[in-house]
C-alpha atoms as a PDB file:
ATOM      1  CA  MET A   1     -32.156-124.714 243.111  1.00  0.00           C
ATOM      2  CA  ASN A   2     -29.726-127.197 241.603  1.00  0.00           C
ATOM      3  CA  GLU A   3     -32.546-128.874 239.679  1.00  0.00           C
ATOM      4  CA  LEU A   4     -33.648-125.598 238.040  1.00  0.00           C
ATOM      5  CA  HIS A   5     -30.097-124.660 237.094  1.00  0.00           C
ATOM      6  CA  THR A   6     -29.495-128.153 235.702  1.00  0.00           C
ATOM      7  CA  ARG A   7     -32.665-127.971 233.588  1.00  0.00           C
ATOM      8  CA  ILE A   8     -31.636-124.577 232.181  1.00  0.00           C
ATOM      9  CA  ILE A   9     -28.171-125.845 231.260  1.00  0.00           C
ATOM     10  CA  GLU A  10     -29.613-128.995 229.663  1.00  0.00           C
ATOM     11  CA  SER A  11     -32.025-126.966 227.515  1.00  0.00           C
ATOM     12  CA  ALA A  12     -29.284-124.564 226.446  1.00  0.00           C
ATOM     13  CA  ALA A  13     -26.940-127.456 225.659  1.00  0.00           C
ATOM     14  CA  PHE A  14     -29.605-129.101 223.472  1.00  0.00           C
ATOM     15  CA  ILE A  15     -30.045-125.869 221.486  1.00  0.00           C
ATOM     16  CA  GLU A  16     -26.295-125.376 221.138  1.00  0.00           C
ATOM     17  CA  GLY A  17     -26.064-128.968 219.906  1.00  0.00           C
ATOM     18  CA  ARG A  18     -28.385-128.080 217.026  1.00  0.00           C
ATOM     19  CA  ILE A  19     -26.546-124.915 216.000  1.00  0.00           C
ATOM     20  CA  LYS A  20     -23.463-123.032 217.115  1.00  0.00           C
ATOM     21  CA  ILE A  21     -24.606-119.468 217.706  1.00  0.00           C
ATOM     22  CA  ASN A  22     -24.074-116.721 220.279  1.00  0.00           C
ATOM     23  CA  PRO A  23     -27.294-114.665 220.300  1.00  0.00           C
ATOM     24  CA  SER A  24     -26.694-111.334 222.017  1.00  0.00           C
ATOM     25  CA  ILE A  25     -30.321-110.248 221.471  1.00  0.00           C
ATOM     26  CA  GLY A  26     -33.430-112.186 222.462  1.00  0.00           C
ATOM     27  CA  ILE A  27     -36.975-111.425 221.299  1.00  0.00           C
ATOM     28  CA  VAL A  28     -40.323-112.700 222.568  1.00  0.00           C
ATOM     29  CA  LEU A  29     -43.127-112.336 220.029  1.00  0.00           C
ATOM     30  CA  GLY A  30     -46.534-111.952 221.665  1.00  0.00           C
ATOM     31  CA  SER A  31     -50.064-112.789 220.563  1.00  0.00           C
ATOM     32  CA  GLY A  32     -50.628-111.920 216.913  1.00  0.00           C
ATOM     33  CA  LEU A  33     -47.110-110.531 216.515  1.00  0.00           C
ATOM     34  CA  GLY A  34     -45.380-113.540 214.998  1.00  0.00           C
ATOM     35  CA  GLY A  35     -44.976-111.780 211.643  1.00  0.00           C
ATOM     36  CA  PHE A  36     -41.668-110.364 212.815  1.00  0.00           C
ATOM     37  CA  ALA A  37     -40.199-113.845 212.385  1.00  0.00           C
ATOM     38  CA  ASP A  38     -40.317-113.254 208.619  1.00  0.00           C
ATOM     39  CA  GLU A  39     -37.706-110.515 209.037  1.00  0.00           C
ATOM     40  CA  ILE A  40     -35.179-112.963 210.478  1.00  0.00           C
ATOM     41  CA  GLU A  41     -32.633-114.950 208.470  1.00  0.00           C
ATOM     42  CA  VAL A  42     -33.545-118.273 210.071  1.00  0.00           C
ATOM     43  CA  LEU A  43     -30.653-120.633 210.697  1.00  0.00           C
ATOM     44  CA  GLU A  44     -32.591-123.042 212.905  1.00  0.00           C
ATOM     45  CA  ARG A  45     -36.235-123.328 213.967  1.00  0.00           C
ATOM     46  CA  ILE A  46     -36.911-125.655 216.896  1.00  0.00           C
ATOM     47  CA  PRO A  47     -40.445-126.483 218.117  1.00  0.00           C
ATOM     48  CA  TYR A  48     -40.716-125.930 221.870  1.00  0.00           C
ATOM     49  CA  GLU A  49     -41.793-129.523 222.461  1.00  0.00           C
ATOM     50  CA  LYS A  50     -38.442-130.726 221.073  1.00  0.00           C
ATOM     51  CA  ILE A  51     -36.439-128.749 223.660  1.00  0.00           C
ATOM     52  CA  PRO A  52     -35.932-130.498 227.018  1.00  0.00           C
ATOM     53  CA  ASP A  53     -38.061-128.974 229.822  1.00  0.00           C
ATOM     54  CA  PHE A  54     -39.278-126.120 227.584  1.00  0.00           C
ATOM     55  CA  PRO A  55     -42.903-125.124 228.305  1.00  0.00           C
ATOM     56  CA  VAL A  56     -45.352-125.456 225.415  1.00  0.00           C
ATOM     57  CA  SER A  57     -48.283-123.087 224.819  1.00  0.00           C
ATOM     58  CA  THR A  58     -51.731-124.621 225.302  1.00  0.00           C
ATOM     59  CA  VAL A  59     -53.563-121.708 223.643  1.00  0.00           C
ATOM     60  CA  SER A  60     -54.567-122.960 220.204  1.00  0.00           C
ATOM     61  CA  GLY A  61     -53.941-120.636 217.256  1.00  0.00           C
ATOM     62  CA  LEU A  62     -52.298-117.781 219.177  1.00  0.00           C
ATOM     63  CA  HIS A  63     -48.676-118.917 219.282  1.00  0.00           C
ATOM     64  CA  ALA A  64     -46.613-120.869 216.735  1.00  0.00           C
ATOM     65  CA  GLY A  65     -44.449-122.329 219.490  1.00  0.00           C
ATOM     66  CA  ASN A  66     -41.016-122.272 217.867  1.00  0.00           C
ATOM     67  CA  LEU A  67     -37.608-121.098 218.977  1.00  0.00           C
ATOM     68  CA  ILE A  68     -35.843-119.332 216.117  1.00  0.00           C
ATOM     69  CA  LEU A  69     -32.086-118.889 215.956  1.00  0.00           C
ATOM     70  CA  GLY A  70     -30.782-116.692 213.204  1.00  0.00           C
ATOM     71  CA  ARG A  71     -29.483-113.322 212.110  1.00  0.00           C
ATOM     72  CA  LEU A  72     -30.963-109.899 211.649  1.00  0.00           C
ATOM     73  CA  ALA A  73     -29.012-106.852 210.544  1.00  0.00           C
ATOM     74  CA  GLY A  74     -25.805-108.820 210.946  1.00  0.00           C
ATOM     75  CA  LYS A  75     -26.557-109.711 214.569  1.00  0.00           C
ATOM     76  CA  GLU A  76     -27.143-113.185 215.928  1.00  0.00           C
ATOM     77  CA  ILE A  77     -30.500-113.394 217.694  1.00  0.00           C
ATOM     78  CA  VAL A  78     -32.825-115.863 219.355  1.00  0.00           C
ATOM     79  CA  ALA A  79     -36.570-115.320 219.009  1.00  0.00           C
ATOM     80  CA  MET A  80     -39.577-116.999 220.578  1.00  0.00           C
ATOM     81  CA  GLU A  81     -42.616-117.389 218.339  1.00  0.00           C
ATOM     82  CA  GLY A  82     -45.080-117.149 221.197  1.00  0.00           C
ATOM     83  CA  ARG A  83     -44.873-117.587 224.961  1.00  0.00           C
ATOM     84  CA  VAL A  84     -46.654-119.468 227.715  1.00  0.00           C
ATOM     85  CA  HIS A  85     -48.810-117.661 230.250  1.00  0.00           C
ATOM     86  CA  TYR A  86     -49.465-118.018 233.949  1.00  0.00           C
ATOM     87  CA  TYR A  87     -53.183-118.503 233.257  1.00  0.00           C
ATOM     88  CA  GLU A  88     -52.420-121.715 231.356  1.00  0.00           C
ATOM     89  CA  GLY A  89     -51.616-123.358 234.687  1.00  0.00           C
ATOM     90  CA  TYR A  90     -47.857-123.100 234.490  1.00  0.00           C
ATOM     91  CA  THR A  91     -45.842-122.002 237.508  1.00  0.00           C
ATOM     92  CA  MET A  92     -44.079-118.667 237.341  1.00  0.00           C
ATOM     93  CA  LYS A  93     -40.751-120.500 237.130  1.00  0.00           C
ATOM     94  CA  ASP A  94     -42.069-122.314 234.044  1.00  0.00           C
ATOM     95  CA  VAL A  95     -43.270-119.046 232.496  1.00  0.00           C
ATOM     96  CA  VAL A  96     -39.804-117.484 232.714  1.00  0.00           C
ATOM     97  CA  PHE A  97     -37.823-120.662 231.991  1.00  0.00           C
ATOM     98  CA  PRO A  98     -37.236-119.678 228.320  1.00  0.00           C
ATOM     99  CA  ILE A  99     -35.802-116.337 229.465  1.00  0.00           C
ATOM    100  CA  ARG A 100     -33.363-118.194 231.707  1.00  0.00           C
ATOM    101  CA  VAL A 101     -32.358-120.369 228.740  1.00  0.00           C
ATOM    102  CA  MET A 102     -31.822-117.289 226.537  1.00  0.00           C
ATOM    103  CA  ARG A 103     -29.501-115.904 229.191  1.00  0.00           C
ATOM    104  CA  ALA A 104     -27.603-119.194 229.306  1.00  0.00           C
ATOM    105  CA  LEU A 105     -27.164-118.933 225.517  1.00  0.00           C
ATOM    106  CA  GLY A 106     -25.485-115.549 225.973  1.00  0.00           C
ATOM    107  CA  THR A 107     -28.354-113.097 225.468  1.00  0.00           C
ATOM    108  CA  LYS A 108     -27.646-109.662 226.951  1.00  0.00           C
ATOM    109  CA  ILE A 109     -30.597-107.651 225.563  1.00  0.00           C
ATOM    110  CA  LEU A 110     -34.191-108.892 225.741  1.00  0.00           C
ATOM    111  CA  ILE A 111     -36.952-107.361 223.616  1.00  0.00           C
ATOM    112  CA  LEU A 112     -40.434-108.259 224.845  1.00  0.00           C
ATOM    113  CA  THR A 113     -43.571-107.672 222.795  1.00  0.00           C
ATOM    114  CA  SER A 114     -47.201-108.190 223.748  1.00  0.00           C
ATOM    115  CA  ALA A 115     -50.803-107.310 223.056  1.00  0.00           C
ATOM    116  CA  VAL A 116     -52.386-105.018 225.656  1.00  0.00           C
ATOM    117  CA  GLY A 117     -55.630-103.276 226.452  1.00  0.00           C
ATOM    118  CA  GLY A 118     -55.439 -99.483 226.341  1.00  0.00           C
ATOM    119  CA  MET A 119     -56.930 -97.863 229.453  1.00  0.00           C
ATOM    120  CA  ASP A 120     -55.593 -94.400 228.647  1.00  0.00           C
ATOM    121  CA  PRO A 121     -58.364 -92.744 226.590  1.00  0.00           C
ATOM    122  CA  GLN A 122     -55.698 -91.204 224.330  1.00  0.00           C
ATOM    123  CA  LEU A 123     -54.585 -94.654 223.163  1.00  0.00           C
ATOM    124  CA  ASP A 124     -56.245 -96.173 220.109  1.00  0.00           C
ATOM    125  CA  ARG A 125     -56.330 -99.651 218.599  1.00  0.00           C
ATOM    126  CA  ALA A 126     -53.083-100.673 216.859  1.00  0.00           C
ATOM    127  CA  ASP A 127     -51.077 -97.958 218.661  1.00  0.00           C
ATOM    128  CA  LEU A 128     -47.531 -98.894 219.654  1.00  0.00           C
ATOM    129  CA  VAL A 129     -46.391 -98.167 223.201  1.00  0.00           C
ATOM    130  CA  ALA A 130     -42.967 -98.375 224.799  1.00  0.00           C
ATOM    131  CA  ILE A 131     -43.319 -99.779 228.307  1.00  0.00           C
ATOM    132  CA  THR A 132     -41.540 -97.532 230.798  1.00  0.00           C
ATOM    133  CA  ASP A 133     -42.539 -99.249 234.055  1.00  0.00           C
ATOM    134  CA  HIS A 134     -44.898-101.897 235.383  1.00  0.00           C
ATOM    135  CA  ILE A 135     -47.172-102.947 238.217  1.00  0.00           C
ATOM    136  CA  ASN A 136     -47.308-106.647 239.088  1.00  0.00           C
ATOM    137  CA  LEU A 137     -50.829-107.701 240.095  1.00  0.00           C
ATOM    138  CA  MET A 138     -50.506-111.299 238.969  1.00  0.00           C
ATOM    139  CA  GLY A 139     -50.456-112.548 242.544  1.00  0.00           C
ATOM    140  CA  ASP A 140     -47.132-114.331 242.126  1.00  0.00           C
ATOM    141  CA  ASN A 141     -43.467-113.699 241.338  1.00  0.00           C
ATOM    142  CA  PRO A 142     -40.947-115.929 239.542  1.00  0.00           C
ATOM    143  CA  LEU A 143     -38.314-115.179 242.193  1.00  0.00           C
ATOM    144  CA  ILE A 144     -40.288-116.593 245.122  1.00  0.00           C
ATOM    145  CA  GLY A 145     -38.493-119.511 246.756  1.00  0.00           C
ATOM    146  CA  PRO A 146     -34.812-120.264 247.396  1.00  0.00           C
ATOM    147  CA  ASN A 147     -32.498-118.050 245.343  1.00  0.00           C
ATOM    148  CA  ASP A 148     -29.800-119.507 243.123  1.00  0.00           C
ATOM    149  CA  ASP A 149     -26.976-116.978 242.979  1.00  0.00           C
ATOM    150  CA  ARG A 150     -25.931-118.410 239.600  1.00  0.00           C
ATOM    151  CA  LEU A 151     -29.159-116.976 238.161  1.00  0.00           C
ATOM    152  CA  GLY A 152     -29.075-113.601 239.934  1.00  0.00           C
ATOM    153  CA  PRO A 153     -29.070-111.857 243.328  1.00  0.00           C
ATOM    154  CA  ARG A 154     -31.600-112.506 246.081  1.00  0.00           C
ATOM    155  CA  PHE A 155     -32.957-108.932 245.994  1.00  0.00           C
ATOM    156  CA  PRO A 156     -32.599-107.529 242.458  1.00  0.00           C
ATOM    157  CA  ASP A 157     -33.042-103.779 242.043  1.00  0.00           C
ATOM    158  CA  MET A 158     -36.075-102.771 239.952  1.00  0.00           C
ATOM    159  CA  SER A 159     -35.573 -99.001 239.737  1.00  0.00           C
ATOM    160  CA  GLU A 160     -35.112 -99.331 235.956  1.00  0.00           C
ATOM    161  CA  PRO A 161     -36.848-102.513 234.787  1.00  0.00           C
ATOM    162  CA  TYR A 162     -37.044-101.214 231.199  1.00  0.00           C
ATOM    163  CA  ASP A 163     -33.729 -99.871 229.973  1.00  0.00           C
ATOM    164  CA  ARG A 164     -33.950 -96.099 229.468  1.00  0.00           C
ATOM    165  CA  LYS A 165     -31.219 -95.993 226.820  1.00  0.00           C
ATOM    166  CA  LEU A 166     -33.015 -98.641 224.772  1.00  0.00           C
ATOM    167  CA  ILE A 167     -36.288 -96.712 225.089  1.00  0.00           C
ATOM    168  CA  LYS A 168     -34.558 -93.537 223.927  1.00  0.00           C
ATOM    169  CA  LEU A 169     -33.081 -95.370 220.941  1.00  0.00           C
ATOM    170  CA  LEU A 170     -36.510 -96.804 220.113  1.00  0.00           C
ATOM    171  CA  GLU A 171     -37.999 -93.292 220.176  1.00  0.00           C
ATOM    172  CA  GLU A 172     -35.292 -92.048 217.807  1.00  0.00           C
ATOM    173  CA  VAL A 173     -35.975 -94.917 215.415  1.00  0.00           C
ATOM    174  CA  ALA A 174     -39.723 -94.283 215.563  1.00  0.00           C
ATOM    175  CA  MET A 175     -39.199 -90.614 214.748  1.00  0.00           C
ATOM    176  CA  ASP A 176     -36.915 -91.409 211.807  1.00  0.00           C
ATOM    177  CA  GLU A 177     -39.320 -94.041 210.482  1.00  0.00           C
ATOM    178  CA  LYS A 178     -42.338 -91.752 211.054  1.00  0.00           C
ATOM    179  CA  ILE A 179     -44.007 -94.328 213.291  1.00  0.00           C
ATOM    180  CA  SER A 180     -46.138 -93.066 216.163  1.00  0.00           C
ATOM    181  CA  LEU A 181     -44.814 -94.396 219.473  1.00  0.00           C
ATOM    182  CA  LYS A 182     -46.243 -93.578 222.884  1.00  0.00           C
ATOM    183  CA  LYS A 183     -45.100 -94.429 226.402  1.00  0.00           C
ATOM    184  CA  ALA A 184     -47.079 -96.393 228.941  1.00  0.00           C
ATOM    185  CA  VAL A 185     -47.032 -98.032 232.350  1.00  0.00           C
ATOM    186  CA  LEU A 186     -48.112-101.679 232.131  1.00  0.00           C
ATOM    187  CA  VAL A 187     -50.113-103.495 234.782  1.00  0.00           C
ATOM    188  CA  ALA A 188     -49.986-107.286 234.557  1.00  0.00           C
ATOM    189  CA  VAL A 189     -52.934-109.393 235.720  1.00  0.00           C
ATOM    190  CA  ALA A 190     -53.316-113.166 235.807  1.00  0.00           C
ATOM    191  CA  GLY A 191     -56.203-113.515 233.327  1.00  0.00           C
ATOM    192  CA  PRO A 192     -57.454-115.303 231.318  1.00  0.00           C
ATOM    193  CA  ASN A 193     -60.687-113.289 231.394  1.00  0.00           C
ATOM    194  CA  LEU A 194     -60.647-109.682 230.319  1.00  0.00           C
ATOM    195  CA  GLU A 195     -61.379-107.138 233.019  1.00  0.00           C
ATOM    196  CA  THR A 196     -64.645-105.620 234.201  1.00  0.00           C
ATOM    197  CA  ALA A 197     -65.310-101.895 233.940  1.00  0.00           C
ATOM    198  CA  ALA A 198     -64.763-101.544 237.689  1.00  0.00           C
ATOM    199  CA  GLU A 199     -61.425-103.337 237.434  1.00  0.00           C
ATOM    200  CA  TYR A 200     -60.292-101.115 234.560  1.00  0.00           C
ATOM    201  CA  ARG A 201     -61.274 -98.076 236.599  1.00  0.00           C
ATOM    202  CA  PHE A 202     -59.238 -99.369 239.564  1.00  0.00           C
ATOM    203  CA  LEU A 203     -56.179-100.206 237.436  1.00  0.00           C
ATOM    204  CA  ARG A 204     -56.236 -96.779 235.845  1.00  0.00           C
ATOM    205  CA  ARG A 205     -56.394 -95.073 239.231  1.00  0.00           C
ATOM    206  CA  ILE A 206     -53.328 -96.888 240.553  1.00  0.00           C
ATOM    207  CA  GLY A 207     -51.230 -95.505 237.693  1.00  0.00           C
ATOM    208  CA  ALA A 208     -51.439 -97.946 234.782  1.00  0.00           C
ATOM    209  CA  ASP A 209     -52.003 -96.966 231.152  1.00  0.00           C
ATOM    210  CA  VAL A 210     -52.235-100.436 229.611  1.00  0.00           C
ATOM    211  CA  VAL A 211     -53.091-103.898 230.921  1.00  0.00           C
ATOM    212  CA  GLY A 212     -51.846-107.316 229.860  1.00  0.00           C
ATOM    213  CA  MET A 213     -51.345-110.922 230.994  1.00  0.00           C
ATOM    214  CA  SER A 214     -47.632-111.304 230.271  1.00  0.00           C
ATOM    215  CA  MET A 215     -44.274-109.514 230.011  1.00  0.00           C
ATOM    216  CA  VAL A 216     -43.869-108.618 233.702  1.00  0.00           C
ATOM    217  CA  PRO A 217     -42.675-112.048 234.936  1.00  0.00           C
ATOM    218  CA  GLU A 218     -40.238-112.221 232.017  1.00  0.00           C
ATOM    219  CA  THR A 219     -38.943-108.740 232.830  1.00  0.00           C
ATOM    220  CA  ILE A 220     -38.400-109.674 236.472  1.00  0.00           C
ATOM    221  CA  ALA A 221     -36.453-112.809 235.527  1.00  0.00           C
ATOM    222  CA  ALA A 222     -34.405-110.937 232.917  1.00  0.00           C
ATOM    223  CA  VAL A 223     -33.471-108.126 235.300  1.00  0.00           C
ATOM    224  CA  HIS A 224     -32.657-110.748 237.935  1.00  0.00           C
ATOM    225  CA  GLY A 225     -30.208-112.236 235.439  1.00  0.00           C
ATOM    226  CA  GLY A 226     -28.599-108.908 234.534  1.00  0.00           C
ATOM    227  CA  MET A 227     -30.224-108.518 231.116  1.00  0.00           C
ATOM    228  CA  ARG A 228     -31.300-105.196 229.621  1.00  0.00           C
ATOM    229  CA  VAL A 229     -35.001-105.171 228.771  1.00  0.00           C
ATOM    230  CA  LEU A 230     -37.052-103.305 226.183  1.00  0.00           C
ATOM    231  CA  GLY A 231     -40.819-103.732 226.247  1.00  0.00           C
ATOM    232  CA  VAL A 232     -43.007-102.770 223.267  1.00  0.00           C
ATOM    233  CA  SER A 233     -46.739-103.485 223.115  1.00  0.00           C
ATOM    234  CA  VAL A 234     -49.566-103.155 220.609  1.00  0.00           C
ATOM    235  CA  VAL A 235     -52.860-101.766 221.907  1.00  0.00           C
ATOM    236  CA  THR A 236     -55.455-104.265 220.710  1.00  0.00           C
ATOM    237  CA  ASP A 237     -58.614-103.032 222.425  1.00  0.00           C
ATOM    238  CA  LYS A 238     -60.031 -99.958 224.126  1.00  0.00           C
ATOM    239  CA  ALA A 239     -60.211-100.697 227.849  1.00  0.00           C
ATOM    240  CA  VAL A 240     -61.838 -97.426 228.930  1.00  0.00           C
ATOM    241  CA  ALA A 241     -64.224 -98.144 231.799  1.00  0.00           C
ATOM    242  CA  ASP A 242     -66.861 -95.523 231.046  1.00  0.00           C
ATOM    243  CA  CYS A 243     -67.407 -96.620 227.425  1.00  0.00           C
ATOM    244  CA  LEU A 244     -66.553-100.295 227.599  1.00  0.00           C
ATOM    245  CA  GLU A 245     -67.694-102.505 224.722  1.00  0.00           C
ATOM    246  CA  PRO A 246     -67.566-106.301 224.331  1.00  0.00           C
ATOM    247  CA  VAL A 247     -64.414-107.637 222.666  1.00  0.00           C
ATOM    248  CA  ASP A 248     -63.389-111.065 221.441  1.00  0.00           C
ATOM    249  CA  ILE A 249     -60.038-112.717 220.859  1.00  0.00           C
ATOM    250  CA  ALA A 250     -60.471-112.773 217.072  1.00  0.00           C
ATOM    251  CA  SER A 251     -60.697-108.989 216.898  1.00  0.00           C
ATOM    252  CA  ILE A 252     -57.785-108.645 219.328  1.00  0.00           C
ATOM    253  CA  ILE A 253     -55.555-110.811 217.129  1.00  0.00           C
ATOM    254  CA  LYS A 254     -56.650-108.940 213.996  1.00  0.00           C
ATOM    255  CA  THR A 255     -55.694-105.624 215.587  1.00  0.00           C
ATOM    256  CA  ALA A 256     -52.416-107.063 216.902  1.00  0.00           C
ATOM    257  CA  LYS A 257     -51.439-108.083 213.369  1.00  0.00           C
ATOM    258  CA  ARG A 258     -52.279-104.596 212.066  1.00  0.00           C
ATOM    259  CA  GLY A 259     -50.107-102.990 214.723  1.00  0.00           C
ATOM    260  CA  GLY A 260     -47.531-105.720 214.199  1.00  0.00           C
ATOM    261  CA  GLU A 261     -46.750-104.424 210.712  1.00  0.00           C
ATOM    262  CA  LYS A 262     -45.513-101.175 212.229  1.00  0.00           C
ATOM    263  CA  LEU A 263     -43.773-103.067 215.002  1.00  0.00           C
ATOM    264  CA  CYS A 264     -41.798-105.136 212.478  1.00  0.00           C
ATOM    265  CA  ARG A 265     -40.416-101.999 210.841  1.00  0.00           C
ATOM    266  CA  LEU A 266     -39.633-100.438 214.194  1.00  0.00           C
ATOM    267  CA  LEU A 267     -37.812-103.422 215.693  1.00  0.00           C
ATOM    268  CA  SER A 268     -35.915-104.296 212.518  1.00  0.00           C
ATOM    269  CA  GLU A 269     -34.410-100.808 212.390  1.00  0.00           C
ATOM    270  CA  MET A 270     -33.923-100.792 216.169  1.00  0.00           C
ATOM    271  CA  ILE A 271     -31.838-103.962 216.041  1.00  0.00           C
ATOM    272  CA  LYS A 272     -29.700-102.481 213.260  1.00  0.00           C
ATOM    273  CA  ARG A 273     -28.774 -99.603 215.577  1.00  0.00           C
ATOM    274  CA  ILE A 274     -28.113-101.554 218.770  1.00  0.00           C
END
């Protein structure tokens, strides 16, 4: 416990030594969604490998791997250009370590973005979805093990993992900006392979609308630390079991970037109104 807390404090202290900033909003930019970084007035950009104990993505070409500290709409923010995933071989505590560091820097609101497969037949490629709830089927949890009360309570409540007021505000922004926004329940799986038709059919039946390989561990850690979470995903492929077609990562990233253009507009205006 003490070791984890010490590592978090050391990472936060290193960042604060590079720039004096108090980021109230944190953003994690998922696969293919790094274009949002262009909207930020960058004050400091730090490669993950420069930050003590910070995990570094091993997935070539998907994530820039930089921590950005800057301003947007007059607000100080911290943004991650890419994340690490459980399937890369990291522990769950490693996966959520950057979220813990954001909290130590003073972040109160966490905006998570990701690419997801759309299992709801009404979802199409490049659609934006606000995540309203989730199902954790990753086979692990970042809170397993001894609890450090400095990071959060032993049994955090998860009745509202995604902040309803933030979702409502996002819907209002989407309506004003004439951007289509749907709601969805996310199921998180370990990956890295995409799912079989039978697995998609199963996931749909247990109540999920979209499927992904991230976001849920970060949400759990953020809620554990008392942060408010907003989850927004881009549907990058049709994951409908009865008409399943082959898909590759290149097409997924291409679709994520197309949806990311709408996401940039949506989040930029959202942050203005927070």
